[in-house]
Every structure is written in C-alpha cells, then in structure tokens.
PDB file of N, CA and C in Angstrom:
ATOM      1  N   MET A   1       0.314-248.580  20.638  1.00  0.00           N
ATOM      2  CA  MET A   1       1.191-249.424  19.887  1.00  0.00           C
ATOM      3  C   MET A   1       2.272-249.527  20.998  1.00  0.00           C
ATOM      4  N   TYR A   2       2.793-248.662  21.209  1.00  0.00           N
ATOM      5  CA  TYR A   2       4.273-248.349  22.471  1.00  0.00           C
ATOM      6  C   TYR A   2       3.982-248.411  23.393  1.00  0.00           C
ATOM      7  N   GLU A   3       2.905-248.986  23.994  1.00  0.00           N
ATOM      8  CA  GLU A   3       2.573-248.528  25.931  1.00  0.00           C
ATOM      9  C   GLU A   3       3.400-249.522  26.416  1.00  0.00           C
ATOM     10  N   LYS A   4       3.681-250.739  26.153  1.00  0.00           N
ATOM     11  CA  LYS A   4       5.055-251.039  26.941  1.00  0.00           C
ATOM     12  C   LYS A   4       6.351-250.543  27.207  1.00  0.00           C
ATOM     13  N   ILE A   5       6.587-250.051  25.744  1.00  0.00           N
ATOM     14  CA  ILE A   5       7.747-249.015  25.647  1.00  0.00           C
ATOM     15  C   ILE A   5       7.608-248.024  26.484  1.00  0.00           C
ATOM     16  N   LYS A   6       6.506-247.295  26.378  1.00  0.00           N
ATOM     17  CA  LYS A   6       6.458-245.979  27.123  1.00  0.00           C
ATOM     18  C   LYS A   6       6.577-246.110  28.732  1.00  0.00           C
ATOM     19  N   GLU A   7       5.606-247.503  29.397  1.00  0.00           N
ATOM     20  CA  GLU A   7       5.946-247.410  30.609  1.00  0.00           C
ATOM     21  C   GLU A   7       7.225-247.765  31.124  1.00  0.00           C
ATOM     22  N   LYS A   8       8.142-248.332  30.064  1.00  0.00           N
ATOM     23  CA  LYS A   8       9.471-248.802  30.511  1.00  0.00           C
ATOM     24  C   LYS A   8      10.285-247.556  30.460  1.00  0.00           C
ATOM     25  N   LEU A   9      10.080-246.549  29.406  1.00  0.00           N
ATOM     26  CA  LEU A   9      10.633-245.210  29.420  1.00  0.00           C
ATOM     27  C   LEU A   9      10.356-244.541  30.968  1.00  0.00           C
ATOM     28  N   ASP A  10       9.027-244.550  31.204  1.00  0.00           N
ATOM     29  CA  ASP A  10       8.544-243.795  32.766  1.00  0.00           C
ATOM     30  C   ASP A  10       9.383-244.082  33.598  1.00  0.00           C
ATOM     31  N   LYS A  11       9.450-245.989  33.705  1.00  0.00           N
ATOM     32  CA  LYS A  11      10.211-246.407  34.864  1.00  0.00           C
ATOM     33  C   LYS A  11      11.504-245.795  34.780  1.00  0.00           C
ATOM     34  N   ARG A  12      12.209-245.777  33.887  1.00  0.00           N
ATOM     35  CA  ARG A  12      13.643-245.503  33.709  1.00  0.00           C
ATOM     36  C   ARG A  12      14.257-244.068  33.897  1.00  0.00           C
ATOM     37  N   LYS A  13      12.706-243.077  33.539  1.00  0.00           N
ATOM     38  CA  LYS A  13      13.059-241.535  33.967  1.00  0.00           C
ATOM     39  C   LYS A  13      12.933-241.739  35.426  1.00  0.00           C
ATOM     40  N   GLU A  14      11.927-242.245  35.947  1.00  0.00           N
ATOM     41  CA  GLU A  14      12.139-242.459  37.427  1.00  0.00           C
ATOM     42  C   GLU A  14      13.411-242.783  38.080  1.00  0.00           C
ATOM     43  N   GLU A  15      13.940-243.943  37.788  1.00  0.00           N
ATOM     44  CA  GLU A  15      14.887-244.295  38.388  1.00  0.00           C
ATOM     45  C   GLU A  15      16.191-243.197  37.962  1.00  0.00           C
ATOM     46  N   LEU A  16      16.334-242.976  37.005  1.00  0.00           N
ATOM     47  CA  LEU A  16      17.212-241.973  36.453  1.00  0.00           C
ATOM     48  C   LEU A  16      17.201-240.791  37.629  1.00  0.00           C
ATOM     49  N   GLN A  17      16.113-240.042  37.374  1.00  0.00           N
ATOM     50  CA  GLN A  17      15.858-238.778  38.045  1.00  0.00           C
ATOM     51  C   GLN A  17      16.160-238.927  39.771  1.00  0.00           C
ATOM     52  N   ALA A  18      15.889-240.256  40.387  1.00  0.00           N
ATOM     53  CA  ALA A  18      16.404-240.380  41.743  1.00  0.00           C
ATOM     54  C   ALA A  18      17.756-240.740  41.827  1.00  0.00           C
ATOM     55  N   LEU A  19      18.407-241.365  40.765  1.00  0.00           N
ATOM     56  CA  LEU A  19      20.039-241.385  40.988  1.00  0.00           C
ATOM     57  C   LEU A  19      20.817-239.882  40.698  1.00  0.00           C
ATOM     58  N   VAL A  20      20.083-238.990  39.843  1.00  0.00           N
ATOM     59  CA  VAL A  20      20.518-237.805  39.395  1.00  0.00           C
ATOM     60  C   VAL A  20      20.480-236.773  40.741  1.00  0.00           C
ATOM     61  N   ASN A  21      19.229-236.879  41.454  1.00  0.00           N
ATOM     62  CA  ASN A  21      19.309-236.559  42.822  1.00  0.00           C
ATOM     63  C   ASN A  21      20.098-236.708  43.980  1.00  0.00           C
ATOM     64  N   LYS A  22      20.443-237.942  43.956  1.00  0.00           N
ATOM     65  CA  LYS A  22      21.532-238.626  45.004  1.00  0.00           C
ATOM     66  C   LYS A  22      22.791-237.990  44.248  1.00  0.00           C
ATOM     67  N   VAL A  23      22.918-238.256  43.287  1.00  0.00           N
ATOM     68  CA  VAL A  23      24.604-237.781  43.053  1.00  0.00           C
ATOM     69  C   VAL A  23      24.359-236.161  43.207  1.00  0.00           C
ATOM     70  N   GLU A  24      23.610-235.207  42.652  1.00  0.00           N
ATOM     71  CA  GLU A  24      23.672-234.141  43.084  1.00  0.00           C
ATOM     72  C   GLU A  24      23.611-233.688  44.698  1.00  0.00           C
ATOM     73  N   THR A  25      23.176-234.369  45.541  1.00  0.00           N
ATOM     74  CA  THR A  25      23.274-234.393  46.668  1.00  0.00           C
ATOM     75  C   THR A  25      24.602-234.451  47.671  1.00  0.00           C
ATOM     76  N   SER A  26      25.011-235.885  46.867  1.00  0.00           N
ATOM     77  CA  SER A  26      26.495-235.955  47.171  1.00  0.00           C
ATOM     78  C   SER A  26      27.503-234.802  46.915  1.00  0.00           C
ATOM     79  N   ALA A  27      27.351-234.122  45.719  1.00  0.00           N
ATOM     80  CA  ALA A  27      28.342-233.689  44.868  1.00  0.00           C
ATOM     81  C   ALA A  27      28.182-232.207  46.084  1.00  0.00           C
ATOM     82  N   ARG A  28      27.230-231.588  46.673  1.00  0.00           N
ATOM     83  CA  ARG A  28      26.931-230.620  47.123  1.00  0.00           C
ATOM     84  C   ARG A  28      27.410-230.571  48.706  1.00  0.00           C
ATOM     85  N   ARG A  29      28.008-231.570  48.975  1.00  0.00           N
ATOM     86  CA  ARG A  29      28.644-231.991  50.562  1.00  0.00           C
ATOM     87  C   ARG A  29      29.829-230.962  50.729  1.00  0.00           C
ATOM     88  N   LYS A  30      29.958-230.648  52.028  1.00  0.00           N
ATOM     89  CA  LYS A  30      31.305-229.430  52.072  1.00  0.00           C
ATOM     90  C   LYS A  30      32.448-230.482  52.163  1.00  0.00           C
ATOM     91  N   LEU A  31      33.502-229.604  51.725  1.00  0.00           N
ATOM     92  CA  LEU A  31      35.013-230.364  51.785  1.00  0.00           C
ATOM     93  C   LEU A  31      35.286-230.314  52.997  1.00  0.00           C
ATOM     94  N   ASP A  32      36.077-231.683  53.674  1.00  0.00           N
ATOM     95  CA  ASP A  32      36.657-232.219  54.973  1.00  0.00           C
ATOM     96  C   ASP A  32      37.612-230.755  55.236  1.00  0.00           C
ATOM     97  N   LYS A  33      38.116-230.497  56.202  1.00  0.00           N
ATOM     98  CA  LYS A  33      39.169-229.758  56.864  1.00  0.00           C
ATOM     99  C   LYS A  33      40.711-230.216  56.486  1.00  0.00           C
ATOM    100  N   ASP A  34      40.459-231.664  56.510  1.00  0.00           N
ATOM    101  CA  ASP A  34      41.864-232.318  56.215  1.00  0.00           C
ATOM    102  C   ASP A  34      42.471-232.323  54.608  1.00  0.00           C
ATOM    103  N   PHE A  35      43.561-231.691  54.672  1.00  0.00           N
ATOM    104  CA  PHE A  35      43.685-231.491  53.260  1.00  0.00           C
ATOM    105  C   PHE A  35      44.039-233.117  52.310  1.00  0.00           C
ATOM    106  N   GLU A  36      44.381-234.031  53.094  1.00  0.00           N
ATOM    107  CA  GLU A  36      44.353-235.064  52.241  1.00  0.00           C
ATOM    108  C   GLU A  36      42.916-235.590  51.775  1.00  0.00           C
ATOM    109  N   GLU A  37      41.949-235.502  52.954  1.00  0.00           N
ATOM    110  CA  GLU A  37      40.873-235.975  52.709  1.00  0.00           C
ATOM    111  C   GLU A  37      40.158-234.885  51.559  1.00  0.00           C
ATOM    112  N   GLN A  38      40.426-233.790  51.296  1.00  0.00           N
ATOM    113  CA  GLN A  38      40.090-232.967  50.347  1.00  0.00           C
ATOM    114  C   GLN A  38      40.147-233.420  49.189  1.00  0.00           C
ATOM    115  N   ALA A  39      41.464-233.676  48.953  1.00  0.00           N
ATOM    116  CA  ALA A  39      41.988-234.248  47.706  1.00  0.00           C
ATOM    117  C   ALA A  39      41.253-235.585  47.269  1.00  0.00           C
ATOM    118  N   ILE A  40      40.787-236.513  48.023  1.00  0.00           N
ATOM    119  CA  ILE A  40      39.931-237.702  47.666  1.00  0.00           C
ATOM    120  C   ILE A  40      38.376-237.085  47.681  1.00  0.00           C
ATOM    121  N   GLU A  41      37.995-236.180  48.417  1.00  0.00           N
ATOM    122  CA  GLU A  41      36.609-235.680  47.825  1.00  0.00           C
ATOM    123  C   GLU A  41      36.604-234.782  46.502  1.00  0.00           C
ATOM    124  N   ARG A  42      37.958-234.201  46.054  1.00  0.00           N
ATOM    125  CA  ARG A  42      37.860-233.531  44.968  1.00  0.00           C
ATOM    126  C   ARG A  42      37.810-234.621  43.337  1.00  0.00           C
ATOM    127  N   GLN A  43      38.551-235.725  43.997  1.00  0.00           N
ATOM    128  CA  GLN A  43      38.411-236.764  43.040  1.00  0.00           C
ATOM    129  C   GLN A  43      37.185-237.367  42.979  1.00  0.00           C
ATOM    130  N   ASN A  44      36.582-237.702  44.128  1.00  0.00           N
ATOM    131  CA  ASN A  44      35.043-238.053  44.113  1.00  0.00           C
ATOM    132  C   ASN A  44      34.268-236.938  43.472  1.00  0.00           C
ATOM    133  N   GLU A  45      34.242-235.874  43.620  1.00  0.00           N
ATOM    134  CA  GLU A  45      33.478-235.068  42.665  1.00  0.00           C
ATOM    135  C   GLU A  45      33.622-235.074  41.542  1.00  0.00           C
ATOM    136  N   GLU A  46      34.658-235.037  40.894  1.00  0.00           N
ATOM    137  CA  GLU A  46      35.191-235.591  39.198  1.00  0.00           C
ATOM    138  C   GLU A  46      34.230-236.740  38.695  1.00  0.00           C
ATOM    139  N   VAL A  47      34.084-237.823  39.274  1.00  0.00           N
ATOM    140  CA  VAL A  47      33.639-238.762  39.126  1.00  0.00           C
ATOM    141  C   VAL A  47      32.071-238.294  39.319  1.00  0.00           C
ATOM    142  N   LEU A  48      31.784-237.763  40.553  1.00  0.00           N
ATOM    143  CA  LEU A  48      30.009-237.428  40.408  1.00  0.00           C
ATOM    144  C   LEU A  48      29.550-236.533  39.030  1.00  0.00           C
ATOM    145  N   THR A  49      30.557-235.841  39.118  1.00  0.00           N
ATOM    146  CA  THR A  49      30.107-234.938  37.756  1.00  0.00           C
ATOM    147  C   THR A  49      30.290-235.475  36.572  1.00  0.00           C
ATOM    148  N   ALA A  50      31.053-236.368  36.214  1.00  0.00           N
ATOM    149  CA  ALA A  50      31.028-237.071  35.096  1.00  0.00           C
ATOM    150  C   ALA A  50      29.667-238.271  35.146  1.00  0.00           C
ATOM    151  N   LEU A  51      29.090-238.942  36.271  1.00  0.00           N
ATOM    152  CA  LEU A  51      28.360-239.801  36.453  1.00  0.00           C
ATOM    153  C   LEU A  51      26.718-238.725  36.021  1.00  0.00           C
ATOM    154  N   ASP A  52      26.739-237.706  36.834  1.00  0.00           N
ATOM    155  CA  ASP A  52      25.900-236.326  36.400  1.00  0.00           C
ATOM    156  C   ASP A  52      25.370-236.154  35.345  1.00  0.00           C
ATOM    157  N   ASN A  53      26.799-236.079  34.411  1.00  0.00           N
ATOM    158  CA  ASN A  53      26.203-235.903  32.960  1.00  0.00           C
ATOM    159  C   ASN A  53      25.832-236.977  32.397  1.00  0.00           C
ATOM    160  N   SER A  54      26.510-238.118  32.717  1.00  0.00           N
ATOM    161  CA  SER A  54      25.749-239.294  31.717  1.00  0.00           C
ATOM    162  C   SER A  54      24.440-239.861  32.320  1.00  0.00           C
ATOM    163  N   LEU A  55      24.300-239.314  33.305  1.00  0.00           N
ATOM    164  CA  LEU A  55      22.641-239.538  33.761  1.00  0.00           C
ATOM    165  C   LEU A  55      21.878-238.746  33.099  1.00  0.00           C
ATOM    166  N   ASN A  56      21.936-237.497  33.103  1.00  0.00           N
ATOM    167  CA  ASN A  56      21.370-236.221  32.767  1.00  0.00           C
ATOM    168  C   ASN A  56      20.936-236.523  31.211  1.00  0.00           C
ATOM    169  N   GLU A  57      22.317-237.091  30.207  1.00  0.00           N
ATOM    170  CA  GLU A  57      22.130-237.255  29.174  1.00  0.00           C
ATOM    171  C   GLU A  57      21.056-238.211  28.559  1.00  0.00           C
ATOM    172  N   GLU A  58      21.218-239.503  29.223  1.00  0.00           N
ATOM    173  CA  GLU A  58      20.178-240.583  28.893  1.00  0.00           C
ATOM    174  C   GLU A  58      18.804-239.893  29.248  1.00  0.00           C
ATOM    175  N   LEU A  59      18.608-239.141  30.514  1.00  0.00           N
ATOM    176  CA  LEU A  59      17.146-238.618  30.756  1.00  0.00           C
ATOM    177  C   LEU A  59      16.962-237.623  29.645  1.00  0.00           C
ATOM    178  N   GLU A  60      17.643-236.559  28.975  1.00  0.00           N
ATOM    179  CA  GLU A  60      17.047-236.320  27.849  1.00  0.00           C
ATOM    180  C   GLU A  60      16.726-236.880  26.786  1.00  0.00           C
ATOM    181  N   GLN A  61      17.291-238.133  26.704  1.00  0.00           N
ATOM    182  CA  GLN A  61      17.048-239.036  25.390  1.00  0.00           C
ATOM    183  C   GLN A  61      15.785-239.458  26.160  1.00  0.00           C
ATOM    184  N   ILE A  62      15.574-239.821  27.140  1.00  0.00           N
ATOM    185  CA  ILE A  62      14.072-240.506  27.367  1.00  0.00           C
ATOM    186  C   ILE A  62      13.011-239.216  27.203  1.00  0.00           C
ATOM    187  N   HIS A  63      13.492-238.020  27.711  1.00  0.00           N
ATOM    188  CA  HIS A  63      12.263-236.954  27.100  1.00  0.00           C
ATOM    189  C   HIS A  63      11.903-236.806  25.914  1.00  0.00           C
ATOM    190  N   GLU A  64      13.083-236.880  25.102  1.00  0.00           N
ATOM    191  CA  GLU A  64      13.071-236.912  23.718  1.00  0.00           C
ATOM    192  C   GLU A  64      11.995-238.215  22.707  1.00  0.00           C
ATOM    193  N   ALA A  65      12.376-239.493  23.713  1.00  0.00           N
ATOM    194  CA  ALA A  65      11.648-240.429  23.104  1.00  0.00           C
ATOM    195  C   ALA A  65      10.312-240.538  23.690  1.00  0.00           C
ATOM    196  N   LEU A  66       9.918-239.993  24.774  1.00  0.00           N
ATOM    197  CA  LEU A  66       8.413-239.817  24.886  1.00  0.00           C
ATOM    198  C   LEU A  66       7.724-238.807  24.550  1.00  0.00           C
ATOM    199  N   TYR A  67       8.146-237.272  24.317  1.00  0.00           N
ATOM    200  CA  TYR A  67       7.706-236.494  22.879  1.00  0.00           C
ATOM    201  C   TYR A  67       7.400-237.076  21.622  1.00  0.00           C
ATOM    202  N   ARG A  68       8.472-238.122  21.155  1.00  0.00           N
ATOM    203  CA  ARG A  68       8.278-238.734  19.925  1.00  0.00           C
ATOM    204  C   ARG A  68       7.288-239.474  19.905  1.00  0.00           C
ATOM    205  N   ILE A  69       7.049-240.312  20.997  1.00  0.00           N
ATOM    206  CA  ILE A  69       5.645-240.948  21.200  1.00  0.00           C
ATOM    207  C   ILE A  69       4.642-240.363  21.562  1.00  0.00           C
ATOM    208  N   GLU A  70       4.566-239.368  22.079  1.00  0.00           N
ATOM    209  CA  GLU A  70       3.351-238.355  21.912  1.00  0.00           C
ATOM    210  C   GLU A  70       2.746-237.896  20.762  1.00  0.00           C
ATOM    211  N   LYS A  71       3.978-237.217  19.888  1.00  0.00           N
ATOM    212  CA  LYS A  71       3.382-236.735  18.715  1.00  0.00           C
ATOM    213  C   LYS A  71       3.568-237.893  17.417  1.00  0.00           C
ATOM    214  N   ASN A  72       3.207-239.391  17.787  1.00  0.00           N
ATOM    215  CA  ASN A  72       3.223-240.196  16.777  1.00  0.00           C
ATOM    216  C   ASN A  72       4.197-240.108  16.045  1.00  0.00           C
ATOM    217  N   MET A  73       5.836-239.936  16.301  1.00  0.00           N
ATOM    218  CA  MET A  73       7.057-239.844  15.485  1.00  0.00           C
ATOM    219  C   MET A  73       7.627-240.608  15.956  1.00  0.00           C
ATOM    220  N   TYR A  74       7.760-241.889  16.866  1.00  0.00           N
ATOM    221  CA  TYR A  74       8.512-242.800  17.656  1.00  0.00           C
ATOM    222  C   TYR A  74       8.491-243.834  16.450  1.00  0.00           C
ATOM    223  N   GLY A  75       9.670-244.409  16.509  1.00  0.00           N
ATOM    224  CA  GLY A  75      10.063-245.554  15.891  1.00  0.00           C
ATOM    225  C   GLY A  75      10.451-245.190  14.398  1.00  0.00           C
ATOM    226  N   LYS A  76      10.665-244.048  13.882  1.00  0.00           N
ATOM    227  CA  LYS A  76      11.206-243.611  12.792  1.00  0.00           C
ATOM    228  C   LYS A  76      12.506-242.735  12.801  1.00  0.00           C
ATOM    229  N   CYS A  77      13.582-243.531  12.265  1.00  0.00           N
ATOM    230  CA  CYS A  77      14.809-242.862  12.223  1.00  0.00           C
ATOM    231  C   CYS A  77      14.954-241.483  12.126  1.00  0.00           C
ATOM    232  N   ALA A  78      15.642-240.604  13.170  1.00  0.00           N
ATOM    233  CA  ALA A  78      15.685-239.166  13.277  1.00  0.00           C
ATOM    234  C   ALA A  78      16.710-238.725  11.738  1.00  0.00           C
ATOM    235  N   ASN A  79      17.340-239.530  11.423  1.00  0.00           N
ATOM    236  CA  ASN A  79      18.509-239.582  10.373  1.00  0.00           C
ATOM    237  C   ASN A  79      18.161-239.914   8.937  1.00  0.00           C
ATOM    238  N   CYS A  80      17.493-240.896   8.795  1.00  0.00           N
ATOM    239  CA  CYS A  80      17.099-241.344   7.386  1.00  0.00           C
ATOM    240  C   CYS A  80      15.696-241.453   7.240  1.00  0.00           C
ATOM    241  N   GLY A  81      14.696-241.768   8.361  1.00  0.00           N
ATOM    242  CA  GLY A  81      13.394-242.085   8.048  1.00  0.00           C
ATOM    243  C   GLY A  81      12.702-243.385   7.987  1.00  0.00           C
ATOM    244  N   ALA A  82      13.900-244.098   8.032  1.00  0.00           N
ATOM    245  CA  ALA A  82      13.439-245.401   7.795  1.00  0.00           C
ATOM    246  C   ALA A  82      12.592-246.090   9.366  1.00  0.00           C
ATOM    247  N   GLU A  83      12.147-247.321   9.115  1.00  0.00           N
ATOM    248  CA  GLU A  83      11.661-247.562  10.502  1.00  0.00           C
ATOM    249  C   GLU A  83      12.463-248.535  11.608  1.00  0.00           C
ATOM    250  N   ILE A  84      12.719-247.992  12.749  1.00  0.00           N
ATOM    251  CA  ILE A  84      13.586-248.484  13.670  1.00  0.00           C
ATOM    252  C   ILE A  84      12.660-249.757  14.179  1.00  0.00           C
ATOM    253  N   GLY A  85      13.797-250.973  14.095  1.00  0.00           N
ATOM    254  CA  GLY A  85      13.500-252.379  14.206  1.00  0.00           C
ATOM    255  C   GLY A  85      12.718-252.225  15.666  1.00  0.00           C
ATOM    256  N   GLU A  86      11.919-253.500  15.979  1.00  0.00           N
ATOM    257  CA  GLU A  86      11.108-253.471  17.161  1.00  0.00           C
ATOM    258  C   GLU A  86      12.169-253.988  18.198  1.00  0.00           C
ATOM    259  N   LYS A  87      13.126-255.082  17.832  1.00  0.00           N
ATOM    260  CA  LYS A  87      13.866-255.282  18.708  1.00  0.00           C
ATOM    261  C   LYS A  87      14.886-254.195  19.138  1.00  0.00           C
ATOM    262  N   ARG A  88      15.158-253.287  18.246  1.00  0.00           N
ATOM    263  CA  ARG A  88      16.250-252.243  18.720  1.00  0.00           C
ATOM    264  C   ARG A  88      15.437-251.329  19.674  1.00  0.00           C
ATOM    265  N   LEU A  89      14.291-251.496  19.356  1.00  0.00           N
ATOM    266  CA  LEU A  89      13.541-250.532  20.326  1.00  0.00           C
ATOM    267  C   LEU A  89      13.332-250.824  21.720  1.00  0.00           C
ATOM    268  N   LEU A  90      12.988-252.285  21.525  1.00  0.00           N
ATOM    269  CA  LEU A  90      13.031-252.669  22.982  1.00  0.00           C
ATOM    270  C   LEU A  90      14.106-252.820  23.829  1.00  0.00           C
ATOM    271  N   ALA A  91      15.433-253.291  22.980  1.00  0.00           N
ATOM    272  CA  ALA A  91      16.653-252.965  23.676  1.00  0.00           C
ATOM    273  C   ALA A  91      17.175-251.434  24.059  1.00  0.00           C
ATOM    274  N   VAL A  92      16.748-250.683  23.208  1.00  0.00           N
ATOM    275  CA  VAL A  92      17.175-249.203  23.758  1.00  0.00           C
ATOM    276  C   VAL A  92      16.094-248.268  23.218  1.00  0.00           C
ATOM    277  N   PRO A  93      14.967-248.242  24.196  1.00  0.00           N
ATOM    278  CA  PRO A  93      13.740-247.448  23.902  1.00  0.00           C
ATOM    279  C   PRO A  93      14.090-246.205  23.805  1.00  0.00           C
ATOM    280  N   HIS A  94      15.234-245.519  23.941  1.00  0.00           N
ATOM    281  CA  HIS A  94      15.343-244.071  24.161  1.00  0.00           C
ATOM    282  C   HIS A  94      16.261-243.540  22.503  1.00  0.00           C
ATOM    283  N   THR A  95      16.268-244.488  21.693  1.00  0.00           N
ATOM    284  CA  THR A  95      17.017-244.313  20.775  1.00  0.00           C
ATOM    285  C   THR A  95      16.240-243.521  19.579  1.00  0.00           C
ATOM    286  N   SER A  96      16.822-242.769  18.631  1.00  0.00           N
ATOM    287  CA  SER A  96      16.153-242.176  17.651  1.00  0.00           C
ATOM    288  C   SER A  96      17.018-242.438  16.455  1.00  0.00           C
ATOM    289  N   LEU A  97      17.632-243.560  16.556  1.00  0.00           N
ATOM    290  CA  LEU A  97      18.292-243.771  14.916  1.00  0.00           C
ATOM    291  C   LEU A  97      18.034-245.518  14.825  1.00  0.00           C
ATOM    292  N   CYS A  98      18.066-245.447  13.464  1.00  0.00           N
ATOM    293  CA  CYS A  98      18.048-247.025  13.538  1.00  0.00           C
ATOM    294  C   CYS A  98      19.303-247.956  13.614  1.00  0.00           C
ATOM    295  N   ILE A  99      19.614-249.073  13.197  1.00  0.00           N
ATOM    296  CA  ILE A  99      20.913-249.784  13.581  1.00  0.00           C
ATOM    297  C   ILE A  99      21.907-249.405  12.548  1.00  0.00           C
ATOM    298  N   ASN A 100      21.536-249.084  11.198  1.00  0.00           N
ATOM    299  CA  ASN A 100      21.928-248.488  10.169  1.00  0.00           C
ATOM    300  C   ASN A 100      23.033-247.060  10.337  1.00  0.00           C
ATOM    301  N   CYS A 101      22.314-246.363  10.876  1.00  0.00           N
ATOM    302  CA  CYS A 101      22.390-244.842  11.204  1.00  0.00           C
ATOM    303  C   CYS A 101      23.171-244.678  12.789  1.00  0.00           C
ATOM    304  N   ALA A 102      23.041-245.831  13.493  1.00  0.00           N
ATOM    305  CA  ALA A 102      23.690-245.507  14.720  1.00  0.00           C
ATOM    306  C   ALA A 102      25.316-246.192  14.712  1.00  0.00           C
ATOM    307  N   GLU A 103      25.461-246.949  13.576  1.00  0.00           N
ATOM    308  CA  GLU A 103      26.606-247.463  13.200  1.00  0.00           C
ATOM    309  C   GLU A 103      27.928-246.692  12.791  1.00  0.00           C
TER     310      GLU A 103
END
C-alpha cells in the first residue's frame, strides 16, 4: 500500500546519509595555522554542526517512518490516532502527525 512512499523514504535516507558523511568529513579538517583563517573555519564549523544536527534529525524521522511501515503502524497519527491524509504523507512522508496535531 505504501510502496511508493517507502521508496521515496529509502531514496531520501540515502541522500541524507551521503550529506551527513560529507558534512562530518568537512568538520574533521584540521584548522589552518593562520589566526584569521581559523576564525572563519570555526564559523564554518558552527554552520556544519547545525547542518549535521538538522540532517540527522530528518534521518531519524525517516528511520522511524520506515519502522512504522514495517510494523503496519504507518499513516496513523502518533498523537491522536487519526488517519494521516494521503496528500500529507506524500508531501512529508516522514511525518508521524496528522495535520491537526502538527499545527
């Protein structure tokens, strides 16, 4: 029933994992010896850390959605138990909340 959504989630999971790997590789670079360059690199590290957190959060939501599909719990709101609309699931396939609970 949710094959297309599962495919979409799997594809997004692969994309996110590749991005996380790139971000983490960039974050592990050694700092430049020049003080001014170090200041810029530290600012970049803050941005990379925020991006990494955001990517990992979405990745976790995708893992949870795939788990719910596997356990036949997908498509039901985790808060109120109502059915999550098909349009919402297609737009935000990793959602666990219906539109009313998400507001």
